[in-house]
C-alpha atoms as a PDB file:
ATOM      1  CA  MET A   1     143.372  81.315  32.539  1.00  0.00           C
ATOM      2  CA  SER A   2     143.442  85.165  31.649  1.00  0.00           C
ATOM      3  CA  SER A   3     144.615  87.740  33.861  1.00  0.00           C
ATOM      4  CA  PHE A   4     144.859  91.283  35.093  1.00  0.00           C
ATOM      5  CA  LYS A   5     146.792  93.215  37.713  1.00  0.00           C
ATOM      6  CA  ALA A   6     145.039  95.230  40.292  1.00  0.00           C
ATOM      7  CA  ALA A   7     146.892  97.820  42.700  1.00  0.00           C
ATOM      8  CA  CYS A   8     145.637  99.490  46.180  1.00  0.00           C
ATOM      9  CA  ILE A   9     147.398 102.656  47.235  1.00  0.00           C
ATOM     10  CA  GLN A  10     147.901 103.151  50.962  1.00  0.00           C
ATOM     11  CA  ASN A  11     148.101 106.833  52.208  1.00  0.00           C
ATOM     12  CA  CYS A  12     147.966 109.022  55.422  1.00  0.00           C
ATOM     13  CA  ALA A  13     145.420 111.972  54.303  1.00  0.00           C
ATOM     14  CA  GLY A  14     145.622 114.700  56.388  1.00  0.00           C
ATOM     15  CA  SER A  15     143.587 118.353  56.334  1.00  0.00           C
ATOM     16  CA  ASN A  16     145.573 119.402  53.455  1.00  0.00           C
ATOM     17  CA  GLN A  17     143.578 118.039  50.308  1.00  0.00           C
ATOM     18  CA  ALA A  18     146.044 119.342  47.547  1.00  0.00           C
ATOM     19  CA  ALA A  19     149.212 117.668  49.151  1.00  0.00           C
ATOM     20  CA  ASN A  20     146.991 114.646  49.439  1.00  0.00           C
ATOM     21  CA  ILE A  21     146.115 114.398  46.071  1.00  0.00           C
ATOM     22  CA  SER A  22     149.404 115.234  44.731  1.00  0.00           C
ATOM     23  CA  LYS A  23     150.749 112.616  46.735  1.00  0.00           C
ATOM     24  CA  VAL A  24     148.637 109.899  45.870  1.00  0.00           C
ATOM     25  CA  GLU A  25     148.664 110.551  42.543  1.00  0.00           C
ATOM     26  CA  THR A  26     152.650 109.918  42.593  1.00  0.00           C
ATOM     27  CA  LEU A  27     151.510 106.321  43.922  1.00  0.00           C
ATOM     28  CA  VAL A  28     149.142 105.762  40.979  1.00  0.00           C
ATOM     29  CA  ARG A  29     151.663 106.473  38.540  1.00  0.00           C
ATOM     30  CA  ARG A  30     153.721 103.864  40.360  1.00  0.00           C
ATOM     31  CA  ALA A  31     151.426 101.423  40.626  1.00  0.00           C
ATOM     32  CA  SER A  32     150.623 101.702  36.738  1.00  0.00           C
ATOM     33  CA  GLY A  33     154.307 101.759  35.725  1.00  0.00           C
ATOM     34  CA  ALA A  34     153.912  98.474  37.548  1.00  0.00           C
ATOM     35  CA  GLY A  35     151.285  97.293  35.082  1.00  0.00           C
ATOM     36  CA  ALA A  36     148.185  97.767  37.364  1.00  0.00           C
ATOM     37  CA  GLU A  37     145.042  98.279  35.063  1.00  0.00           C
ATOM     38  CA  LEU A  38     142.940  98.664  38.150  1.00  0.00           C
ATOM     39  CA  ILE A  39     144.111 100.753  40.761  1.00  0.00           C
ATOM     40  CA  CYS A  40     141.796 101.464  44.072  1.00  0.00           C
ATOM     41  CA  LEU A  41     142.494 104.143  46.661  1.00  0.00           C
ATOM     42  CA  PRO A  42     141.479 104.211  50.155  1.00  0.00           C
ATOM     43  CA  GLU A  43     138.357 106.043  52.297  1.00  0.00           C
ATOM     44  CA  PHE A  44     138.978 109.512  52.142  1.00  0.00           C
ATOM     45  CA  TYR A  45     141.872 108.997  50.445  1.00  0.00           C
ATOM     46  CA  SER A  46     141.941 112.786  49.380  1.00  0.00           C
ATOM     47  CA  VAL A  47     141.476 114.772  52.997  1.00  0.00           C
ATOM     48  CA  LEU A  48     140.822 113.783  56.645  1.00  0.00           C
ATOM     49  CA  LYS A  49     139.660 116.685  58.883  1.00  0.00           C
ATOM     50  CA  PRO A  50     139.867 117.015  62.299  1.00  0.00           C
ATOM     51  CA  ASN A  51     136.767 117.938  62.784  1.00  0.00           C
ATOM     52  CA  ASP A  52     133.713 115.901  60.547  1.00  0.00           C
ATOM     53  CA  SER A  53     131.389 119.212  60.126  1.00  0.00           C
ATOM     54  CA  ASP A  54     134.260 120.540  57.860  1.00  0.00           C
ATOM     55  CA  TYR A  55     133.586 117.972  55.416  1.00  0.00           C
ATOM     56  CA  TRP A  56     130.714 120.006  54.373  1.00  0.00           C
ATOM     57  CA  GLU A  57     131.591 123.545  55.376  1.00  0.00           C
ATOM     58  CA  HIS A  58     134.860 123.006  53.037  1.00  0.00           C
ATOM     59  CA  GLY A  59     133.312 120.414  50.671  1.00  0.00           C
ATOM     60  CA  TRP A  60     132.378 120.168  47.140  1.00  0.00           C
ATOM     61  CA  GLU A  61     129.516 118.703  44.973  1.00  0.00           C
ATOM     62  CA  MET A  62     130.727 115.755  43.249  1.00  0.00           C
ATOM     63  CA  GLU A  63     131.050 117.212  39.639  1.00  0.00           C
ATOM     64  CA  ARG A  64     133.269 119.839  41.053  1.00  0.00           C
ATOM     65  CA  HIS A  65     135.232 117.746  43.806  1.00  0.00           C
ATOM     66  CA  PRO A  66     139.253 118.850  42.948  1.00  0.00           C
ATOM     67  CA  ALA A  67     139.830 115.002  43.503  1.00  0.00           C
ATOM     68  CA  LEU A  68     137.183 113.335  40.952  1.00  0.00           C
ATOM     69  CA  LEU A  69     138.819 115.961  38.458  1.00  0.00           C
ATOM     70  CA  GLN A  70     142.172 114.930  38.971  1.00  0.00           C
ATOM     71  CA  ALA A  71     140.970 111.255  39.015  1.00  0.00           C
ATOM     72  CA  LYS A  72     139.511 111.697  35.810  1.00  0.00           C
ATOM     73  CA  SER A  73     142.552 113.102  33.740  1.00  0.00           C
ATOM     74  CA  LEU A  74     144.686 109.951  35.220  1.00  0.00           C
ATOM     75  CA  ALA A  75     142.500 107.712  34.413  1.00  0.00           C
ATOM     76  CA  ILE A  76     142.640 108.873  30.766  1.00  0.00           C
ATOM     77  CA  GLU A  77     145.927 109.421  30.759  1.00  0.00           C
ATOM     78  CA  LEU A  78     147.469 106.163  32.427  1.00  0.00           C
ATOM     79  CA  SER A  79     144.382 104.079  30.448  1.00  0.00           C
ATOM     80  CA  CYS A  80     143.523 102.228  33.541  1.00  0.00           C
ATOM     81  CA  TRP A  81     140.480 101.994  35.556  1.00  0.00           C
ATOM     82  CA  LEU A  82     140.733 104.011  38.726  1.00  0.00           C
ATOM     83  CA  LEU A  83     138.232 103.336  42.208  1.00  0.00           C
ATOM     84  CA  LEU A  84     138.200 106.609  43.994  1.00  0.00           C
ATOM     85  CA  GLY A  85     137.860 104.719  47.426  1.00  0.00           C
ATOM     86  CA  SER A  86     135.576 107.291  49.165  1.00  0.00           C
ATOM     87  CA  ILE A  87     135.674 110.880  48.860  1.00  0.00           C
ATOM     88  CA  PRO A  88     133.227 113.417  51.180  1.00  0.00           C
ATOM     89  CA  VAL A  89     130.589 114.659  48.682  1.00  0.00           C
ATOM     90  CA  LYS A  90     128.396 117.668  49.658  1.00  0.00           C
ATOM     91  CA  ALA A  91     124.707 116.538  50.340  1.00  0.00           C
ATOM     92  CA  SER A  92     121.521 118.398  52.390  1.00  0.00           C
ATOM     93  CA  ASN A  93     121.084 119.488  55.704  1.00  0.00           C
ATOM     94  CA  ARG A  94     124.752 120.182  55.720  1.00  0.00           C
ATOM     95  CA  LYS A  95     125.977 116.816  55.716  1.00  0.00           C
ATOM     96  CA  VAL A  96     128.248 114.558  53.180  1.00  0.00           C
ATOM     97  CA  TYR A  97     128.083 111.374  51.180  1.00  0.00           C
ATOM     98  CA  ASN A  98     131.073 109.209  51.705  1.00  0.00           C
ATOM     99  CA  ARG A  99     130.823 107.968  48.281  1.00  0.00           C
ATOM    100  CA  SER A 100     132.987 105.229  46.182  1.00  0.00           C
ATOM    101  CA  ILE A 101     133.526 106.316  42.295  1.00  0.00           C
ATOM    102  CA  LEU A 102     134.484 104.055  39.985  1.00  0.00           C
ATOM    103  CA  LEU A 103     136.065 105.524  36.722  1.00  0.00           C
ATOM    104  CA  ASP A 104     136.939 103.800  33.345  1.00  0.00           C
ATOM    105  CA  ALA A 105     140.058 104.280  31.445  1.00  0.00           C
ATOM    106  CA  LYS A 106     138.501 106.847  29.526  1.00  0.00           C
ATOM    107  CA  GLY A 107     137.450 108.764  32.595  1.00  0.00           C
ATOM    108  CA  TYR A 108     133.854 108.396  32.480  1.00  0.00           C
ATOM    109  CA  GLU A 109     131.841 107.129  35.657  1.00  0.00           C
ATOM    110  CA  VAL A 110     131.054 103.407  35.612  1.00  0.00           C
ATOM    111  CA  GLY A 111     128.989 104.468  38.656  1.00  0.00           C
ATOM    112  CA  PHE A 112     129.150 105.228  42.335  1.00  0.00           C
ATOM    113  CA  TYR A 113     127.776 103.740  46.161  1.00  0.00           C
ATOM    114  CA  ASP A 114     126.835 105.845  49.103  1.00  0.00           C
ATOM    115  CA  LYS A 115     128.134 104.127  52.118  1.00  0.00           C
ATOM    116  CA  LEU A 116     125.452 101.941  53.594  1.00  0.00           C
ATOM    117  CA  HIS A 117     126.567 101.461  57.499  1.00  0.00           C
ATOM    118  CA  LEU A 118     127.887 104.318  59.091  1.00  0.00           C
ATOM    119  CA  PHE A 119     130.371 104.215  61.765  1.00  0.00           C
ATOM    120  CA  ASP A 120     129.079 105.013  64.907  1.00  0.00           C
ATOM    121  CA  VAL A 121     130.727 103.346  67.666  1.00  0.00           C
ATOM    122  CA  ALA A 122     132.455 103.742  71.385  1.00  0.00           C
ATOM    123  CA  ILE A 123     135.466 101.815  72.107  1.00  0.00           C
ATOM    124  CA  LYS A 124     136.798 100.765  75.748  1.00  0.00           C
ATOM    125  CA  ASP A 125     139.756 102.950  75.109  1.00  0.00           C
ATOM    126  CA  GLY A 126     137.466 106.052  75.077  1.00  0.00           C
ATOM    127  CA  GLN A 127     137.406 106.544  71.235  1.00  0.00           C
ATOM    128  CA  GLN A 128     133.874 107.381  70.019  1.00  0.00           C
ATOM    129  CA  TYR A 129     132.659 107.909  66.533  1.00  0.00           C
ATOM    130  CA  LYS A 130     129.756 109.154  65.149  1.00  0.00           C
ATOM    131  CA  GLU A 131     129.634 109.120  61.549  1.00  0.00           C
ATOM    132  CA  SER A 132     125.877 109.717  61.372  1.00  0.00           C
ATOM    133  CA  GLN A 133     126.293 113.059  62.496  1.00  0.00           C
ATOM    134  CA  ASN A 134     127.490 114.537  59.477  1.00  0.00           C
ATOM    135  CA  VAL A 135     127.066 111.704  56.869  1.00  0.00           C
ATOM    136  CA  ILE A 136     123.785 110.694  55.306  1.00  0.00           C
ATOM    137  CA  PRO A 137     123.993 106.949  54.485  1.00  0.00           C
ATOM    138  CA  GLY A 138     123.277 105.528  51.103  1.00  0.00           C
ATOM    139  CA  GLN A 139     120.055 103.524  50.353  1.00  0.00           C
ATOM    140  CA  HIS A 140     120.914 100.615  47.766  1.00  0.00           C
ATOM    141  CA  ALA A 141     124.198  98.211  47.440  1.00  0.00           C
ATOM    142  CA  THR A 142     125.749  98.822  44.291  1.00  0.00           C
ATOM    143  CA  LEU A 143     127.311  96.169  41.337  1.00  0.00           C
ATOM    144  CA  LEU A 144     129.225  97.442  38.653  1.00  0.00           C
ATOM    145  CA  THR A 145     130.497  96.083  35.135  1.00  0.00           C
ATOM    146  CA  THR A 146     134.446  96.112  34.394  1.00  0.00           C
ATOM    147  CA  PRO A 147     136.154  94.494  31.893  1.00  0.00           C
ATOM    148  CA  TRP A 148     137.235  91.422  34.484  1.00  0.00           C
ATOM    149  CA  GLY A 149     133.866  90.946  35.960  1.00  0.00           C
ATOM    150  CA  GLY A 150     131.305  92.338  38.487  1.00  0.00           C
ATOM    151  CA  LEU A 151     132.470  94.959  40.902  1.00  0.00           C
ATOM    152  CA  GLY A 152     130.501  94.750  44.031  1.00  0.00           C
ATOM    153  CA  LEU A 153     131.118  98.329  46.047  1.00  0.00           C
ATOM    154  CA  THR A 154     131.517  98.706  49.900  1.00  0.00           C
ATOM    155  CA  ILE A 155     133.507 100.933  52.262  1.00  0.00           C
ATOM    156  CA  CYS A 156     135.433 100.084  55.566  1.00  0.00           C
ATOM    157  CA  TYR A 157     132.517  99.914  58.574  1.00  0.00           C
ATOM    158  CA  ASP A 158     130.458  97.763  55.689  1.00  0.00           C
ATOM    159  CA  VAL A 159     132.797  94.652  56.458  1.00  0.00           C
ATOM    160  CA  ARG A 160     131.120  93.917  59.519  1.00  0.00           C
ATOM    161  CA  PHE A 161     128.042  93.550  57.810  1.00  0.00           C
ATOM    162  CA  PRO A 162     128.589  89.736  55.681  1.00  0.00           C
ATOM    163  CA  ALA A 163     124.797  90.207  54.463  1.00  0.00           C
ATOM    164  CA  LEU A 164     125.540  93.008  52.217  1.00  0.00           C
ATOM    165  CA  TYR A 165     128.733  90.971  50.814  1.00  0.00           C
ATOM    166  CA  ARG A 166     126.799  87.784  50.352  1.00  0.00           C
ATOM    167  CA  SER A 167     124.088  89.732  48.342  1.00  0.00           C
ATOM    168  CA  LEU A 168     126.662  91.232  46.413  1.00  0.00           C
ATOM    169  CA  ALA A 169     128.309  87.837  45.284  1.00  0.00           C
ATOM    170  CA  GLN A 170     125.272  86.134  44.439  1.00  0.00           C
ATOM    171  CA  ALA A 171     124.249  88.883  42.451  1.00  0.00           C
ATOM    172  CA  GLY A 172     127.028  88.597  40.193  1.00  0.00           C
ATOM    173  CA  ALA A 173     130.051  90.545  41.893  1.00  0.00           C
ATOM    174  CA  CYS A 174     133.265  88.156  41.501  1.00  0.00           C
ATOM    175  CA  PHE A 175     135.400  91.040  43.298  1.00  0.00           C
ATOM    176  CA  ILE A 176     134.422  93.107  46.161  1.00  0.00           C
ATOM    177  CA  SER A 177     136.246  96.440  47.292  1.00  0.00           C
ATOM    178  CA  ILE A 178     136.788  97.802  51.007  1.00  0.00           C
ATOM    179  CA  PRO A 179     138.539 101.015  51.051  1.00  0.00           C
ATOM    180  CA  ALA A 180     139.060 101.297  54.291  1.00  0.00           C
ATOM    181  CA  ALA A 181     140.572 104.233  56.996  1.00  0.00           C
ATOM    182  CA  PHE A 182     140.065 101.636  59.773  1.00  0.00           C
ATOM    183  CA  THR A 183     141.418 102.846  63.278  1.00  0.00           C
ATOM    184  CA  GLU A 184     144.754 101.196  64.437  1.00  0.00           C
ATOM    185  CA  LYS A 185     143.000  99.771  67.539  1.00  0.00           C
ATOM    186  CA  THR A 186     139.857  97.520  65.593  1.00  0.00           C
ATOM    187  CA  GLY A 187     142.480  97.239  62.852  1.00  0.00           C
ATOM    188  CA  SER A 188     145.147  95.253  64.791  1.00  0.00           C
ATOM    189  CA  ALA A 189     142.284  92.939  66.440  1.00  0.00           C
ATOM    190  CA  HIS A 190     139.682  92.472  63.688  1.00  0.00           C
ATOM    191  CA  TRP A 191     140.682  93.903  59.967  1.00  0.00           C
ATOM    192  CA  HIS A 192     142.923  90.682  58.636  1.00  0.00           C
ATOM    193  CA  THR A 193     140.061  88.430  59.844  1.00  0.00           C
ATOM    194  CA  LEU A 194     137.379  90.429  58.564  1.00  0.00           C
ATOM    195  CA  VAL A 195     138.679  90.917  55.106  1.00  0.00           C
ATOM    196  CA  ARG A 196     139.770  87.021  54.674  1.00  0.00           C
ATOM    197  CA  SER A 197     136.256  85.861  56.141  1.00  0.00           C
ATOM    198  CA  ARG A 198     134.309  88.253  53.500  1.00  0.00           C
ATOM    199  CA  ALA A 199     136.619  86.789  50.690  1.00  0.00           C
ATOM    200  CA  ILE A 200     136.097  82.752  52.062  1.00  0.00           C
ATOM    201  CA  GLU A 201     132.241  83.384  52.559  1.00  0.00           C
ATOM    202  CA  THR A 202     131.511  84.819  49.009  1.00  0.00           C
ATOM    203  CA  GLY A 203     133.965  83.092  47.044  1.00  0.00           C
ATOM    204  CA  SER A 204     135.220  86.636  45.500  1.00  0.00           C
ATOM    205  CA  TYR A 205     138.597  88.753  45.198  1.00  0.00           C
ATOM    206  CA  ILE A 206     138.736  91.556  47.947  1.00  0.00           C
ATOM    207  CA  PHE A 207     140.375  95.002  47.387  1.00  0.00           C
ATOM    208  CA  ALA A 208     140.760  96.642  50.338  1.00  0.00           C
ATOM    209  CA  PRO A 209     143.042  99.744  49.980  1.00  0.00           C
ATOM    210  CA  GLY A 210     143.477 101.374  53.407  1.00  0.00           C
ATOM    211  CA  GLN A 211     145.082 104.159  55.104  1.00  0.00           C
ATOM    212  CA  THR A 212     148.015 104.278  57.229  1.00  0.00           C
ATOM    213  CA  GLY A 213     149.849 106.505  59.884  1.00  0.00           C
ATOM    214  CA  VAL A 214     149.060 109.026  62.353  1.00  0.00           C
ATOM    215  CA  ARG A 215     147.838 112.635  61.881  1.00  0.00           C
ATOM    216  CA  PRO A 216     148.701 115.808  64.166  1.00  0.00           C
ATOM    217  CA  TRP A 217     145.705 115.522  66.023  1.00  0.00           C
ATOM    218  CA  GLY A 218     146.182 112.094  66.996  1.00  0.00           C
ATOM    219  CA  ARG A 219     143.475 109.936  64.938  1.00  0.00           C
ATOM    220  CA  LYS A 220     145.539 106.568  63.867  1.00  0.00           C
ATOM    221  CA  THR A 221     144.343 104.330  61.191  1.00  0.00           C
ATOM    222  CA  TYR A 222     145.748 100.994  60.538  1.00  0.00           C
ATOM    223  CA  GLY A 223     146.894 100.357  57.131  1.00  0.00           C
ATOM    224  CA  HIS A 224     147.722  96.840  55.808  1.00  0.00           C
ATOM    225  CA  SER A 225     146.130  97.086  52.718  1.00  0.00           C
ATOM    226  CA  LEU A 226     144.857  93.875  51.392  1.00  0.00           C
ATOM    227  CA  ILE A 227     144.484  91.736  48.034  1.00  0.00           C
ATOM    228  CA  VAL A 228     142.582  88.029  48.972  1.00  0.00           C
ATOM    229  CA  ASP A 229     141.996  85.894  46.798  1.00  0.00           C
ATOM    230  CA  PRO A 230     138.395  84.013  46.838  1.00  0.00           C
ATOM    231  CA  TRP A 231     140.105  81.290  48.572  1.00  0.00           C
ATOM    232  CA  GLY A 232     141.208  83.856  51.511  1.00  0.00           C
ATOM    233  CA  VAL A 233     144.959  83.503  50.637  1.00  0.00           C
ATOM    234  CA  VAL A 234     146.578  86.972  51.333  1.00  0.00           C
ATOM    235  CA  LEU A 235     148.254  87.875  47.866  1.00  0.00           C
ATOM    236  CA  ALA A 236     149.251  90.914  49.032  1.00  0.00           C
ATOM    237  CA  ASP A 237     149.758  93.232  52.374  1.00  0.00           C
ATOM    238  CA  GLY A 238     150.581  96.983  52.951  1.00  0.00           C
ATOM    239  CA  GLY A 239     152.311  96.936  56.159  1.00  0.00           C
ATOM    240  CA  VAL A 240     152.378 100.272  57.990  1.00  0.00           C
ATOM    241  CA  ASP A 241     154.265 102.518  55.484  1.00  0.00           C
ATOM    242  CA  GLU A 242     152.282 104.867  52.739  1.00  0.00           C
ATOM    243  CA  GLY A 243     152.971 103.398  48.702  1.00  0.00           C
ATOM    244  CA  TYR A 244     151.269 100.554  47.043  1.00  0.00           C
ATOM    245  CA  ILE A 245     150.409  96.718  46.832  1.00  0.00           C
ATOM    246  CA  ILE A 246     149.742  94.945  43.611  1.00  0.00           C
ATOM    247  CA  ALA A 247     148.459  91.404  42.675  1.00  0.00           C
ATOM    248  CA  GLU A 248     147.951  89.258  39.865  1.00  0.00           C
ATOM    249  CA  ILE A 249     144.161  88.623  39.785  1.00  0.00           C
ATOM    250  CA  TYR A 250     142.726  85.570  38.057  1.00  0.00           C
ATOM    251  CA  PRO A 251     138.778  86.005  37.489  1.00  0.00           C
ATOM    252  CA  GLU A 252     138.093  82.437  36.797  1.00  0.00           C
ATOM    253  CA  LYS A 253     139.260  81.242  40.645  1.00  0.00           C
ATOM    254  CA  SER A 254     135.936  83.212  41.856  1.00  0.00           C
ATOM    255  CA  SER A 255     134.156  80.400  40.274  1.00  0.00           C
ATOM    256  CA  VAL A 256     136.484  77.760  40.777  1.00  0.00           C
ATOM    257  CA  ALA A 257     136.024  78.198  44.760  1.00  0.00           C
ATOM    258  CA  ARG A 258     132.491  78.847  44.274  1.00  0.00           C
ATOM    259  CA  ASN A 259     132.226  75.355  42.540  1.00  0.00           C
ATOM    260  CA  MET A 260     133.948  73.722  45.205  1.00  0.00           C
ATOM    261  CA  ILE A 261     132.414  75.240  48.110  1.00  0.00           C
ATOM    262  CA  PRO A 262     128.762  76.411  46.641  1.00  0.00           C
ATOM    263  CA  SER A 263     127.509  78.253  49.546  1.00  0.00           C
ATOM    264  CA  LEU A 264     125.722  80.693  47.821  1.00  0.00           C
ATOM    265  CA  GLN A 265     123.336  78.488  46.457  1.00  0.00           C
ATOM    266  CA  ASN A 266     123.218  76.328  49.438  1.00  0.00           C
ATOM    267  CA  ASP A 267     120.584  78.801  51.260  1.00  0.00           C
ATOM    268  CA  ILE A 268     118.007  77.255  53.401  1.00  0.00           C
ATOM    269  CA  PRO A 269     114.930  79.852  54.546  1.00  0.00           C
ATOM    270  CA  PHE A 270     114.837  79.690  58.301  1.00  0.00           C
ATOM    271  CA  ARG A 271     113.385  81.845  61.367  1.00  0.00           C
ATOM    272  CA  VAL A 272     114.686  82.166  64.610  1.00  0.00           C
ATOM    273  CA  SER A 273     112.440  80.162  67.162  1.00  0.00           C
ATOM    274  CA  LYS A 274     112.486  81.381  70.786  1.00  0.00           C
ATOM    275  CA  ASP A 275     111.214  80.079  73.696  1.00  0.00           C
END
């Protein structure tokens, strides 16, 4: 059974984009040196701002984005595939896209995905987030071809919408990425359960690189980047420190899991009956 190594980077991005990119480059080099052929970065790994409006005010169009330009050079130099978990890309109406981009080992853009489900929530302890105020949602799901099989792209809050993952798996994904900047509060309650559930339900490997740590303005992210196999086994957990995790990936295990429990083929049409 042929295999490859995949890695997830875990960082604590702040408002200094150049410093964030430099630190992530160091971690990518370390992961590549350990043999990773696919390296996945977290959501907004290049910059986290205290005010979401700053992503447009001090932002970039995609092709000029410093994080993308650096990643292309790095992919070429290291001859590895890079998933830019997500970067803020300037859009219209003073908003941005929360965009995940996959680069191949020659630095070419294989494709991208704009986050569909935006994080508009109010948590009991008073934390409130309104991502839709500054981000334009995507319009479609994205499945991309890699040398190892189909890779479905999702981002963070998407993990709470299982139909997206089922659709990606039924369309041919045997790997699904969930780059995240999960809050410490919701992460400690739900992160492991949600990520493992998406793997089990779809019979897919999940690559879930996350941000960690506390910013000067108080924002806490959970960390615990995960690589989970199609049976729901956690192969690697990043804990709370910056760094990387790596695991051996056997693409055929996706087919094995799906043949054992063929739930993707066992859908029964139904409707909800109300009294």
